[in-house]
Amino acid sequence: MEIDTEKIGSFLKSMDGAEYTYLQHCMEMRSGISSLIKRHNLSKEDVCELFKIEPEIYEDYVKGNYNYSIMDMARLNAVFMALEVKKLEENVPVKVNQKTDK
């Protein structure tokens, strides 16, 4: 697949600051979601459940073609933290024996 850099360049030049910032946020969300999917081997069903989206919008949601809200951004952070905690609990690097009083 050949990348049309002139077309992309024209598109970027046509945007004002607010549009560029919006595009940047969409791409950051896409990148964050993609990283989570890969790191935690999430299925389409997992993503739909975790992000509270309908399966019909899955493709647009994970590819950045979605009007993300502040709630979506917060949910990405919350899902990331929850999955990382779960991963740490499952793969504890060092287990410390707890002393119990008898």
N, C-alpha and C. Protein backbone atom coordinates (compact mmCIF):
# COMPACT_ATOMS: atom_id res chain seq x y z
N MET A 1 0.84 -1.18 0.00
CA MET A 1 0.00 0.00 0.00
C MET A 1 0.89 1.24 0.00
N GLU A 2 0.62 2.12 -0.92
CA GLU A 2 1.39 3.35 -1.03
C GLU A 2 0.69 4.46 -0.26
N ILE A 3 1.47 5.23 0.48
CA ILE A 3 0.92 6.31 1.28
C ILE A 3 0.96 7.60 0.46
N ASP A 4 -0.17 8.26 0.35
CA ASP A 4 -0.29 9.51 -0.40
C ASP A 4 0.05 10.67 0.54
N THR A 5 1.35 10.95 0.66
CA THR A 5 1.80 11.98 1.60
C THR A 5 1.33 13.38 1.20
N GLU A 6 1.17 13.62 -0.10
CA GLU A 6 0.69 14.93 -0.55
C GLU A 6 -0.75 15.15 -0.08
N LYS A 7 -1.57 14.12 -0.20
CA LYS A 7 -2.97 14.21 0.24
C LYS A 7 -3.04 14.45 1.75
N ILE A 8 -2.22 13.72 2.49
CA ILE A 8 -2.19 13.88 3.95
C ILE A 8 -1.69 15.28 4.30
N GLY A 9 -0.64 15.74 3.61
CA GLY A 9 -0.11 17.08 3.85
C GLY A 9 -1.14 18.15 3.59
N SER A 10 -1.87 18.03 2.50
CA SER A 10 -2.93 19.00 2.19
C SER A 10 -4.00 19.01 3.26
N PHE A 11 -4.37 17.83 3.71
CA PHE A 11 -5.37 17.71 4.77
C PHE A 11 -4.89 18.41 6.04
N LEU A 12 -3.66 18.14 6.45
CA LEU A 12 -3.12 18.75 7.67
C LEU A 12 -3.02 20.27 7.55
N LYS A 13 -2.62 20.76 6.39
CA LYS A 13 -2.50 22.20 6.18
C LYS A 13 -3.85 22.89 6.19
N SER A 14 -4.90 22.16 5.86
CA SER A 14 -6.24 22.77 5.78
C SER A 14 -6.89 22.94 7.16
N MET A 15 -6.32 22.33 8.18
CA MET A 15 -6.94 22.38 9.51
C MET A 15 -6.49 23.60 10.28
N ASP A 16 -7.42 24.11 11.10
CA ASP A 16 -7.03 25.17 12.03
C ASP A 16 -6.58 24.52 13.33
N GLY A 17 -6.18 25.30 14.30
CA GLY A 17 -5.65 24.79 15.56
C GLY A 17 -6.61 23.90 16.32
N ALA A 18 -7.88 24.29 16.38
CA ALA A 18 -8.87 23.50 17.11
C ALA A 18 -9.11 22.16 16.43
N GLU A 19 -9.16 22.15 15.11
CA GLU A 19 -9.36 20.89 14.38
C GLU A 19 -8.16 19.96 14.56
N TYR A 20 -6.97 20.55 14.55
CA TYR A 20 -5.77 19.74 14.75
C TYR A 20 -5.76 19.14 16.16
N THR A 21 -6.13 19.93 17.15
CA THR A 21 -6.19 19.44 18.53
C THR A 21 -7.21 18.32 18.65
N TYR A 22 -8.36 18.47 18.00
CA TYR A 22 -9.38 17.43 18.01
C TYR A 22 -8.85 16.15 17.38
N LEU A 23 -8.20 16.27 16.22
CA LEU A 23 -7.63 15.10 15.54
C LEU A 23 -6.58 14.43 16.42
N GLN A 24 -5.78 15.22 17.09
CA GLN A 24 -4.75 14.69 17.98
C GLN A 24 -5.38 13.88 19.11
N HIS A 25 -6.45 14.39 19.71
CA HIS A 25 -7.13 13.65 20.78
C HIS A 25 -7.73 12.34 20.25
N CYS A 26 -8.31 12.38 19.06
CA CYS A 26 -8.86 11.15 18.47
C CYS A 26 -7.77 10.11 18.26
N MET A 27 -6.62 10.54 17.77
CA MET A 27 -5.52 9.61 17.51
C MET A 27 -4.92 9.08 18.82
N GLU A 28 -4.89 9.91 19.85
CA GLU A 28 -4.41 9.44 21.16
C GLU A 28 -5.36 8.39 21.73
N MET A 29 -6.67 8.62 21.57
CA MET A 29 -7.64 7.63 22.02
C MET A 29 -7.48 6.34 21.24
N ARG A 30 -7.34 6.45 19.93
CA ARG A 30 -7.16 5.26 19.08
C ARG A 30 -5.92 4.49 19.53
N SER A 31 -4.84 5.19 19.75
CA SER A 31 -3.60 4.55 20.16
C SER A 31 -3.74 3.88 21.52
N GLY A 32 -4.40 4.55 22.46
CA GLY A 32 -4.60 3.98 23.79
C GLY A 32 -5.46 2.73 23.75
N ILE A 33 -6.54 2.78 23.00
CA ILE A 33 -7.43 1.63 22.88
C ILE A 33 -6.71 0.47 22.20
N SER A 34 -5.99 0.78 21.14
CA SER A 34 -5.24 -0.26 20.40
C SER A 34 -4.21 -0.92 21.31
N SER A 35 -3.51 -0.12 22.09
CA SER A 35 -2.52 -0.67 23.02
C SER A 35 -3.15 -1.60 24.04
N LEU A 36 -4.30 -1.20 24.57
CA LEU A 36 -5.01 -2.05 25.54
C LEU A 36 -5.42 -3.37 24.91
N ILE A 37 -5.96 -3.30 23.70
CA ILE A 37 -6.41 -4.51 23.02
C ILE A 37 -5.24 -5.48 22.84
N LYS A 38 -4.11 -4.96 22.40
CA LYS A 38 -2.94 -5.82 22.18
C LYS A 38 -2.36 -6.33 23.50
N ARG A 39 -2.19 -5.44 24.46
CA ARG A 39 -1.53 -5.81 25.72
C ARG A 39 -2.33 -6.83 26.51
N HIS A 40 -3.67 -6.72 26.45
CA HIS A 40 -4.51 -7.59 27.26
C HIS A 40 -5.31 -8.58 26.41
N ASN A 41 -4.98 -8.66 25.13
CA ASN A 41 -5.61 -9.61 24.22
C ASN A 41 -7.13 -9.54 24.31
N LEU A 42 -7.67 -8.34 24.16
CA LEU A 42 -9.11 -8.13 24.31
C LEU A 42 -9.85 -8.47 23.03
N SER A 43 -10.98 -9.11 23.17
CA SER A 43 -11.85 -9.41 22.03
C SER A 43 -12.76 -8.20 21.77
N LYS A 44 -13.45 -8.25 20.65
CA LYS A 44 -14.43 -7.21 20.33
C LYS A 44 -15.46 -7.12 21.43
N GLU A 45 -15.91 -8.27 21.92
CA GLU A 45 -16.91 -8.30 22.99
C GLU A 45 -16.37 -7.67 24.27
N ASP A 46 -15.10 -7.96 24.59
CA ASP A 46 -14.47 -7.36 25.77
C ASP A 46 -14.47 -5.84 25.67
N VAL A 47 -14.04 -5.35 24.51
CA VAL A 47 -13.95 -3.89 24.32
C VAL A 47 -15.33 -3.26 24.42
N CYS A 48 -16.32 -3.86 23.79
CA CYS A 48 -17.68 -3.31 23.85
C CYS A 48 -18.18 -3.25 25.29
N GLU A 49 -17.91 -4.28 26.05
CA GLU A 49 -18.36 -4.31 27.44
C GLU A 49 -17.59 -3.30 28.29
N LEU A 50 -16.28 -3.28 28.16
CA LEU A 50 -15.45 -2.38 28.98
C LEU A 50 -15.71 -0.91 28.67
N PHE A 51 -15.93 -0.59 27.40
CA PHE A 51 -16.12 0.81 27.02
C PHE A 51 -17.59 1.19 26.85
N LYS A 52 -18.47 0.24 27.12
CA LYS A 52 -19.91 0.48 27.08
C LYS A 52 -20.35 1.03 25.72
N ILE A 53 -19.94 0.30 24.67
CA ILE A 53 -20.31 0.68 23.31
C ILE A 53 -21.05 -0.48 22.65
N GLU A 54 -21.82 -0.16 21.66
CA GLU A 54 -22.55 -1.18 20.90
C GLU A 54 -21.61 -1.80 19.86
N PRO A 55 -21.78 -3.10 19.59
CA PRO A 55 -20.91 -3.77 18.61
C PRO A 55 -20.90 -3.09 17.23
N GLU A 56 -22.01 -2.42 16.87
CA GLU A 56 -22.10 -1.78 15.55
C GLU A 56 -21.11 -0.63 15.39
N ILE A 57 -20.69 -0.01 16.49
CA ILE A 57 -19.77 1.12 16.37
C ILE A 57 -18.33 0.73 16.73
N TYR A 58 -18.11 -0.53 17.01
CA TYR A 58 -16.78 -1.00 17.44
C TYR A 58 -15.67 -0.53 16.50
N GLU A 59 -15.81 -0.78 15.20
CA GLU A 59 -14.75 -0.45 14.23
C GLU A 59 -14.41 1.04 14.27
N ASP A 60 -15.44 1.88 14.24
CA ASP A 60 -15.20 3.32 14.28
C ASP A 60 -14.56 3.72 15.60
N TYR A 61 -15.02 3.13 16.69
CA TYR A 61 -14.51 3.48 18.02
C TYR A 61 -13.03 3.15 18.16
N VAL A 62 -12.63 1.98 17.73
CA VAL A 62 -11.23 1.57 17.91
C VAL A 62 -10.29 2.17 16.86
N LYS A 63 -10.84 2.69 15.77
CA LYS A 63 -10.00 3.26 14.71
C LYS A 63 -9.95 4.79 14.73
N GLY A 64 -10.57 5.41 15.74
CA GLY A 64 -10.48 6.85 15.88
C GLY A 64 -11.53 7.63 15.14
N ASN A 65 -12.45 6.96 14.47
CA ASN A 65 -13.51 7.64 13.73
C ASN A 65 -14.75 7.75 14.62
N TYR A 66 -14.59 8.44 15.73
CA TYR A 66 -15.65 8.51 16.74
C TYR A 66 -15.52 9.84 17.45
N ASN A 67 -16.64 10.41 17.82
CA ASN A 67 -16.65 11.67 18.55
C ASN A 67 -16.52 11.36 20.05
N TYR A 68 -15.28 11.14 20.50
CA TYR A 68 -15.02 10.77 21.89
C TYR A 68 -15.39 11.90 22.84
N SER A 69 -15.97 11.53 23.94
CA SER A 69 -16.33 12.50 24.98
C SER A 69 -15.30 12.45 26.10
N ILE A 70 -15.43 13.37 27.01
CA ILE A 70 -14.57 13.36 28.20
C ILE A 70 -14.78 12.05 28.96
N MET A 71 -16.01 11.54 28.97
CA MET A 71 -16.31 10.28 29.64
C MET A 71 -15.56 9.13 28.98
N ASP A 72 -15.46 9.13 27.66
CA ASP A 72 -14.69 8.09 26.96
C ASP A 72 -13.22 8.15 27.35
N MET A 73 -12.69 9.35 27.46
CA MET A 73 -11.29 9.50 27.85
C MET A 73 -11.07 9.03 29.28
N ALA A 74 -12.00 9.37 30.16
CA ALA A 74 -11.89 8.92 31.55
C ALA A 74 -12.03 7.41 31.63
N ARG A 75 -12.94 6.86 30.83
CA ARG A 75 -13.13 5.41 30.83
C ARG A 75 -11.88 4.69 30.35
N LEU A 76 -11.20 5.24 29.35
CA LEU A 76 -9.95 4.65 28.87
C LEU A 76 -8.95 4.56 30.03
N ASN A 77 -8.81 5.63 30.78
CA ASN A 77 -7.89 5.62 31.92
C ASN A 77 -8.31 4.61 32.98
N ALA A 78 -9.61 4.56 33.27
CA ALA A 78 -10.12 3.64 34.29
C ALA A 78 -9.94 2.18 33.85
N VAL A 79 -10.23 1.89 32.59
CA VAL A 79 -10.07 0.53 32.07
C VAL A 79 -8.60 0.14 32.09
N PHE A 80 -7.73 1.06 31.69
CA PHE A 80 -6.29 0.79 31.72
C PHE A 80 -5.85 0.41 33.13
N MET A 81 -6.24 1.22 34.11
CA MET A 81 -5.84 0.96 35.50
C MET A 81 -6.39 -0.38 35.99
N ALA A 82 -7.65 -0.65 35.71
CA ALA A 82 -8.26 -1.91 36.17
C ALA A 82 -7.57 -3.12 35.56
N LEU A 83 -7.28 -3.07 34.27
CA LEU A 83 -6.63 -4.20 33.61
C LEU A 83 -5.20 -4.38 34.09
N GLU A 84 -4.51 -3.29 34.34
CA GLU A 84 -3.14 -3.39 34.84
C GLU A 84 -3.11 -3.96 36.25
N VAL A 85 -4.05 -3.55 37.09
CA VAL A 85 -4.12 -4.10 38.45
C VAL A 85 -4.39 -5.60 38.38
N LYS A 86 -5.33 -5.99 37.54
CA LYS A 86 -5.65 -7.41 37.38
C LYS A 86 -4.43 -8.19 36.92
N LYS A 87 -3.71 -7.63 35.96
CA LYS A 87 -2.50 -8.30 35.44
C LYS A 87 -1.46 -8.45 36.55
N LEU A 88 -1.29 -7.42 37.36
CA LEU A 88 -0.34 -7.49 38.47
C LEU A 88 -0.76 -8.52 39.51
N GLU A 89 -2.04 -8.59 39.79
CA GLU A 89 -2.54 -9.57 40.77
C GLU A 89 -2.30 -10.99 40.29
N GLU A 90 -2.43 -11.20 38.99
CA GLU A 90 -2.25 -12.53 38.42
C GLU A 90 -0.77 -12.91 38.30
N ASN A 91 0.09 -11.92 38.21
CA ASN A 91 1.52 -12.16 38.01
C ASN A 91 2.34 -11.43 39.06
N VAL A 92 2.08 -11.70 40.31
CA VAL A 92 2.79 -11.03 41.39
C VAL A 92 4.27 -11.41 41.32
N PRO A 93 5.16 -10.42 41.19
CA PRO A 93 6.58 -10.74 41.05
C PRO A 93 7.20 -11.31 42.33
N VAL A 94 6.75 -10.84 43.47
CA VAL A 94 7.28 -11.32 44.74
C VAL A 94 6.10 -11.50 45.69
N LYS A 95 6.00 -12.67 46.27
CA LYS A 95 4.94 -12.91 47.25
C LYS A 95 5.56 -12.91 48.64
N VAL A 96 4.95 -12.16 49.51
CA VAL A 96 5.43 -12.07 50.88
C VAL A 96 4.47 -12.85 51.75
N ASN A 97 5.01 -13.74 52.53
CA ASN A 97 4.16 -14.51 53.46
C ASN A 97 3.71 -13.58 54.57
N GLN A 98 2.42 -13.61 54.82
CA GLN A 98 1.90 -12.80 55.90
C GLN A 98 1.98 -13.57 57.20
N LYS A 99 2.41 -12.89 58.22
CA LYS A 99 2.50 -13.51 59.54
C LYS A 99 1.13 -13.44 60.19
N THR A 100 0.69 -14.57 60.68
CA THR A 100 -0.62 -14.61 61.34
C THR A 100 -0.41 -14.88 62.82
N ASP A 101 -1.20 -14.22 63.63
CA ASP A 101 -1.15 -14.45 65.07
C ASP A 101 -2.02 -15.63 65.41
N LYS A 102 -1.49 -16.54 66.21
CA LYS A 102 -2.26 -17.70 66.63
C LYS A 102 -2.40 -17.72 68.11
